[in-house]
C-alpha atoms as a PDB file:
ATOM      1  CA  UNK A   1       3.987  -6.322  11.320  1.00  0.00           C
ATOM      2  CA  UNK A   2       0.951  -4.611   9.955  1.00  0.00           C
ATOM      3  CA  UNK A   3      -0.558  -5.265   6.617  1.00  0.00           C
ATOM      4  CA  UNK A   4      -1.508  -1.777   5.156  1.00  0.00           C
ATOM      5  CA  UNK A   5      -4.223  -2.606   2.611  1.00  0.00           C
ATOM      6  CA  UNK A   6      -7.904  -2.923   1.694  1.00  0.00           C
ATOM      7  CA  UNK A   7     -10.326  -5.744   2.827  1.00  0.00           C
ATOM      8  CA  UNK A   8     -12.216  -6.419  -0.622  1.00  0.00           C
ATOM      9  CA  UNK A   9      -8.661  -6.639  -2.272  1.00  0.00           C
ATOM     10  CA  UNK A  10      -7.998 -10.293  -2.904  1.00  0.00           C
ATOM     11  CA  UNK A  11      -3.723  -9.954  -2.471  1.00  0.00           C
ATOM     12  CA  UNK A  12      -4.779  -8.334   0.863  1.00  0.00           C
ATOM     13  CA  UNK A  13      -6.333 -11.286   1.886  1.00  0.00           C
ATOM     14  CA  UNK A  14      -3.924 -13.754   0.349  1.00  0.00           C
ATOM     15  CA  UNK A  15      -1.265 -11.860   2.159  1.00  0.00           C
ATOM     16  CA  UNK A  16      -3.016 -11.860   5.460  1.00  0.00           C
ATOM     17  CA  UNK A  17      -3.919 -15.228   5.813  1.00  0.00           C
ATOM     18  CA  UNK A  18       0.043 -16.226   4.833  1.00  0.00           C
ATOM     19  CA  UNK A  19       1.133 -13.470   7.445  1.00  0.00           C
ATOM     20  CA  UNK A  20      -1.160 -15.160  10.487  1.00  0.00           C
ATOM     21  CA  UNK A  21       0.459 -12.703  12.920  1.00  0.00           C
ATOM     22  CA  UNK A  22      -0.421  -8.957  11.274  1.00  0.00           C
ATOM     23  CA  UNK A  23      -2.214  -6.687  12.306  1.00  0.00           C
ATOM     24  CA  UNK A  24      -4.664  -5.726   9.549  1.00  0.00           C
ATOM     25  CA  UNK A  25      -4.958  -1.536   8.632  1.00  0.00           C
ATOM     26  CA  UNK A  26      -7.696  -0.728   6.154  1.00  0.00           C
ATOM     27  CA  UNK A  27      -6.211   1.844   4.159  1.00  0.00           C
ATOM     28  CA  UNK A  28     -10.108   3.103   3.592  1.00  0.00           C
ATOM     29  CA  UNK A  29     -11.444   3.830   6.819  1.00  0.00           C
ATOM     30  CA  UNK A  30      -7.850   4.099   8.837  1.00  0.00           C
ATOM     31  CA  UNK A  31      -5.757   5.616   6.348  1.00  0.00           C
ATOM     32  CA  UNK A  32      -2.214   5.085   6.526  1.00  0.00           C
ATOM     33  CA  UNK A  33       0.084   7.073   9.326  1.00  0.00           C
ATOM     34  CA  UNK A  34       2.237   9.970   7.038  1.00  0.00           C
ATOM     35  CA  UNK A  35       5.163   8.803   8.696  1.00  0.00           C
ATOM     36  CA  UNK A  36       4.716   5.216   7.482  1.00  0.00           C
ATOM     37  CA  UNK A  37       3.844   7.189   3.738  1.00  0.00           C
ATOM     38  CA  UNK A  38       6.626   9.316   3.699  1.00  0.00           C
ATOM     39  CA  UNK A  39       8.860   6.382   3.919  1.00  0.00           C
ATOM     40  CA  UNK A  40       7.071   4.242   1.729  1.00  0.00           C
ATOM     41  CA  UNK A  41       7.275   7.100  -1.081  1.00  0.00           C
ATOM     42  CA  UNK A  42      11.246   7.642  -0.091  1.00  0.00           C
ATOM     43  CA  UNK A  43      12.086   3.700  -0.669  1.00  0.00           C
ATOM     44  CA  UNK A  44       9.475   2.928  -3.729  1.00  0.00           C
ATOM     45  CA  UNK A  45       8.655   6.141  -5.207  1.00  0.00           C
ATOM     46  CA  UNK A  46       6.611   6.010  -7.938  1.00  0.00           C
ATOM     47  CA  UNK A  47       6.025   2.814  -7.481  1.00  0.00           C
ATOM     48  CA  UNK A  48       3.825   3.466  -4.594  1.00  0.00           C
ATOM     49  CA  UNK A  49       0.920   4.775  -6.553  1.00  0.00           C
ATOM     50  CA  UNK A  50      -1.275   2.281  -8.717  1.00  0.00           C
ATOM     51  CA  UNK A  51      -1.447   3.690 -12.189  1.00  0.00           C
ATOM     52  CA  UNK A  52      -3.555   0.874 -13.211  1.00  0.00           C
ATOM     53  CA  UNK A  53      -6.199   1.244 -10.832  1.00  0.00           C
ATOM     54  CA  UNK A  54     -10.113   1.887 -11.517  1.00  0.00           C
ATOM     55  CA  UNK A  55      -9.349   5.465  -9.076  1.00  0.00           C
ATOM     56  CA  UNK A  56      -6.073   6.200 -11.345  1.00  0.00           C
ATOM     57  CA  UNK A  57      -8.280   5.874 -14.701  1.00  0.00           C
ATOM     58  CA  UNK A  58     -11.565   8.020 -13.107  1.00  0.00           C
ATOM     59  CA  UNK A  59      -8.898  11.290 -12.042  1.00  0.00           C
ATOM     60  CA  UNK A  60      -8.507  14.266 -14.196  1.00  0.00           C
ATOM     61  CA  UNK A  61      -4.873  15.084 -15.520  1.00  0.00           C
ATOM     62  CA  UNK A  62      -4.171  18.342 -13.219  1.00  0.00           C
ATOM     63  CA  UNK A  63      -5.284  15.600 -10.466  1.00  0.00           C
ATOM     64  CA  UNK A  64      -2.484  13.134 -11.600  1.00  0.00           C
ATOM     65  CA  UNK A  65      -0.152  15.867 -11.745  1.00  0.00           C
ATOM     66  CA  UNK A  66      -0.313  16.526  -7.964  1.00  0.00           C
ATOM     67  CA  UNK A  67       2.687  15.661  -5.397  1.00  0.00           C
ATOM     68  CA  UNK A  68       2.178  11.725  -4.644  1.00  0.00           C
ATOM     69  CA  UNK A  69       1.828  12.078  -0.621  1.00  0.00           C
ATOM     70  CA  UNK A  70      -1.318  14.514  -1.098  1.00  0.00           C
ATOM     71  CA  UNK A  71      -3.071  12.085  -3.648  1.00  0.00           C
ATOM     72  CA  UNK A  72      -2.631   9.159  -1.461  1.00  0.00           C
ATOM     73  CA  UNK A  73      -3.751  10.994   1.516  1.00  0.00           C
ATOM     74  CA  UNK A  74      -6.825  11.954  -0.592  1.00  0.00           C
ATOM     75  CA  UNK A  75      -7.614   8.684  -2.506  1.00  0.00           C
ATOM     76  CA  UNK A  76      -5.932   5.982  -0.292  1.00  0.00           C
ATOM     77  CA  UNK A  77      -6.857   3.328  -2.752  1.00  0.00           C
ATOM     78  CA  UNK A  78      -4.486   4.543  -4.917  1.00  0.00           C
ATOM     79  CA  UNK A  79      -1.418   3.078  -2.645  1.00  0.00           C
ATOM     80  CA  UNK A  80      -0.167  -0.265  -4.491  1.00  0.00           C
ATOM     81  CA  UNK A  81      -1.190  -3.061  -1.829  1.00  0.00           C
ATOM     82  CA  UNK A  82      -0.316  -4.325   0.176  1.00  0.00           C
ATOM     83  CA  UNK A  83       2.092  -2.150   2.257  1.00  0.00           C
ATOM     84  CA  UNK A  84       3.588  -4.467   4.704  1.00  0.00           C
ATOM     85  CA  UNK A  85       5.611  -2.882   7.757  1.00  0.00           C
ATOM     86  CA  UNK A  86       7.325  -5.418   9.524  1.00  0.00           C
ATOM     87  CA  UNK A  87       9.356  -3.997  12.268  1.00  0.00           C
ATOM     88  CA  UNK A  88      10.226  -0.990  10.244  1.00  0.00           C
ATOM     89  CA  UNK A  89      11.184  -2.515   7.002  1.00  0.00           C
ATOM     90  CA  UNK A  90       8.462  -1.881   4.845  1.00  0.00           C
ATOM     91  CA  UNK A  91       7.529  -4.131   1.673  1.00  0.00           C
ATOM     92  CA  UNK A  92       5.673  -3.109  -1.217  1.00  0.00           C
ATOM     93  CA  UNK A  93       3.359  -6.008  -2.918  1.00  0.00           C
ATOM     94  CA  UNK A  94       3.009  -9.735  -2.007  1.00  0.00           C
ATOM     95  CA  UNK A  95       5.121 -10.776  -4.944  1.00  0.00           C
ATOM     96  CA  UNK A  96       7.375 -14.219  -4.385  1.00  0.00           C
ATOM     97  CA  UNK A  97      10.123 -11.665  -3.264  1.00  0.00           C
ATOM     98  CA  UNK A  98       8.374 -10.038  -0.133  1.00  0.00           C
ATOM     99  CA  UNK A  99       6.624 -13.624   0.360  1.00  0.00           C
ATOM    100  CA  UNK A 100      10.609 -15.629   0.492  1.00  0.00           C
ATOM    101  CA  UNK A 101      11.777 -12.077   2.702  1.00  0.00           C
ATOM    102  CA  UNK A 102       8.678 -12.821   5.301  1.00  0.00           C
ATOM    103  CA  UNK A 103       7.519 -16.281   5.162  1.00  0.00           C
ATOM    104  CA  UNK A 104      11.562 -17.639   4.618  1.00  0.00           C
END
Protein backbone atom coordinates (compact mmCIF):
# COMPACT_ATOMS: atom_id res chain seq x y z
CA UNK A 1 0.00 0.00 0.00
CA UNK A 2 1.30 3.43 -0.96
CA UNK A 3 0.03 6.69 0.50
CA UNK A 4 0.71 9.74 -1.70
CA UNK A 5 0.57 13.01 0.19
CA UNK A 6 2.53 15.76 1.88
CA UNK A 7 4.56 15.23 5.03
CA UNK A 8 3.24 18.54 6.38
CA UNK A 9 -0.43 17.63 5.82
CA UNK A 10 -2.31 16.76 9.02
CA UNK A 11 -4.78 14.51 7.19
CA UNK A 12 -1.94 12.56 5.56
CA UNK A 13 -0.27 12.14 8.96
CA UNK A 14 -3.50 10.79 10.49
CA UNK A 15 -3.93 8.32 7.61
CA UNK A 16 -0.30 7.20 7.81
CA UNK A 17 -0.58 6.66 11.56
CA UNK A 18 -3.64 4.45 11.05
CA UNK A 19 -2.15 2.59 8.08
CA UNK A 20 1.07 1.44 9.71
CA UNK A 21 2.07 -0.84 6.83
CA UNK A 22 1.67 1.90 4.20
CA UNK A 23 4.68 3.27 2.36
CA UNK A 24 4.66 7.09 2.28
CA UNK A 25 5.45 9.02 -0.89
CA UNK A 26 5.80 12.80 -0.57
CA UNK A 27 4.30 14.26 -3.76
CA UNK A 28 6.28 17.46 -3.41
CA UNK A 29 9.67 15.75 -3.55
CA UNK A 30 8.93 12.41 -5.25
CA UNK A 31 5.83 13.12 -7.33
CA UNK A 32 3.16 10.60 -8.32
CA UNK A 33 3.83 8.12 -11.14
CA UNK A 34 2.07 9.24 -14.32
CA UNK A 35 0.09 5.99 -14.66
CA UNK A 36 -1.21 6.27 -11.08
CA UNK A 37 -2.17 9.92 -11.61
CA UNK A 38 -3.97 9.09 -14.87
CA UNK A 39 -5.89 6.24 -13.19
CA UNK A 40 -6.81 8.53 -10.27
CA UNK A 41 -8.05 11.22 -12.65
CA UNK A 42 -10.12 8.65 -14.57
CA UNK A 43 -11.65 7.38 -11.31
CA UNK A 44 -12.13 10.62 -9.36
CA UNK A 45 -12.33 13.23 -12.13
CA UNK A 46 -12.19 16.86 -11.07
CA UNK A 47 -12.34 15.86 -7.38
CA UNK A 48 -8.64 15.02 -7.67
CA UNK A 49 -7.83 18.75 -7.93
CA UNK A 50 -8.12 20.53 -4.57
CA UNK A 51 -9.79 23.81 -5.50
CA UNK A 52 -9.70 25.01 -1.87
CA UNK A 53 -5.91 24.99 -1.59
CA UNK A 54 -3.71 28.04 -1.33
CA UNK A 55 -1.87 26.79 -4.42
CA UNK A 56 -5.13 26.89 -6.43
CA UNK A 57 -5.93 30.40 -5.19
CA UNK A 58 -2.50 31.55 -6.35
CA UNK A 59 -3.02 30.36 -9.93
CA UNK A 60 -4.13 32.68 -12.72
CA UNK A 61 -7.34 31.95 -14.64
CA UNK A 62 -5.32 30.73 -17.63
CA UNK A 63 -3.39 28.29 -15.43
CA UNK A 64 -6.61 27.01 -13.83
CA UNK A 65 -7.99 26.26 -17.31
CA UNK A 66 -5.16 23.84 -18.13
CA UNK A 67 -5.65 20.08 -18.28
CA UNK A 68 -5.75 18.54 -14.77
CA UNK A 69 -2.86 16.12 -15.45
CA UNK A 70 -0.63 18.97 -16.62
CA UNK A 71 -1.59 21.10 -13.62
CA UNK A 72 -0.95 18.27 -11.15
CA UNK A 73 2.39 17.42 -12.76
CA UNK A 74 3.53 21.04 -12.40
CA UNK A 75 1.87 21.70 -9.02
CA UNK A 76 1.67 18.39 -7.11
CA UNK A 77 0.37 20.18 -4.01
CA UNK A 78 -2.91 20.77 -5.90
CA UNK A 79 -3.81 17.11 -5.48
CA UNK A 80 -6.50 16.31 -2.93
CA UNK A 81 -4.81 14.27 -0.22
CA UNK A 82 -4.12 11.59 0.58
CA UNK A 83 -4.27 9.42 -2.54
CA UNK A 84 -3.96 5.82 -1.40
CA UNK A 85 -3.04 2.96 -3.71
CA UNK A 86 -4.04 -0.30 -2.00
CA UNK A 87 -2.89 -3.04 -4.40
CA UNK A 88 -4.29 -1.25 -7.44
CA UNK A 89 -7.45 0.08 -5.78
CA UNK A 90 -7.36 3.86 -5.36
CA UNK A 91 -8.87 5.86 -2.51
CA UNK A 92 -8.98 9.64 -2.29
CA UNK A 93 -9.09 11.52 1.01
CA UNK A 94 -9.33 10.16 4.54
CA UNK A 95 -13.07 10.24 5.08
CA UNK A 96 -15.09 7.63 6.93
CA UNK A 97 -15.73 5.68 3.71
CA UNK A 98 -11.99 5.30 3.03
CA UNK A 99 -11.27 4.45 6.67
CA UNK A 100 -13.97 1.76 6.69
CA UNK A 101 -12.72 0.25 3.43
CA UNK A 102 -9.08 0.10 4.59
CA UNK A 103 -9.39 -0.50 8.32
CA UNK A 104 -12.60 -2.52 8.49
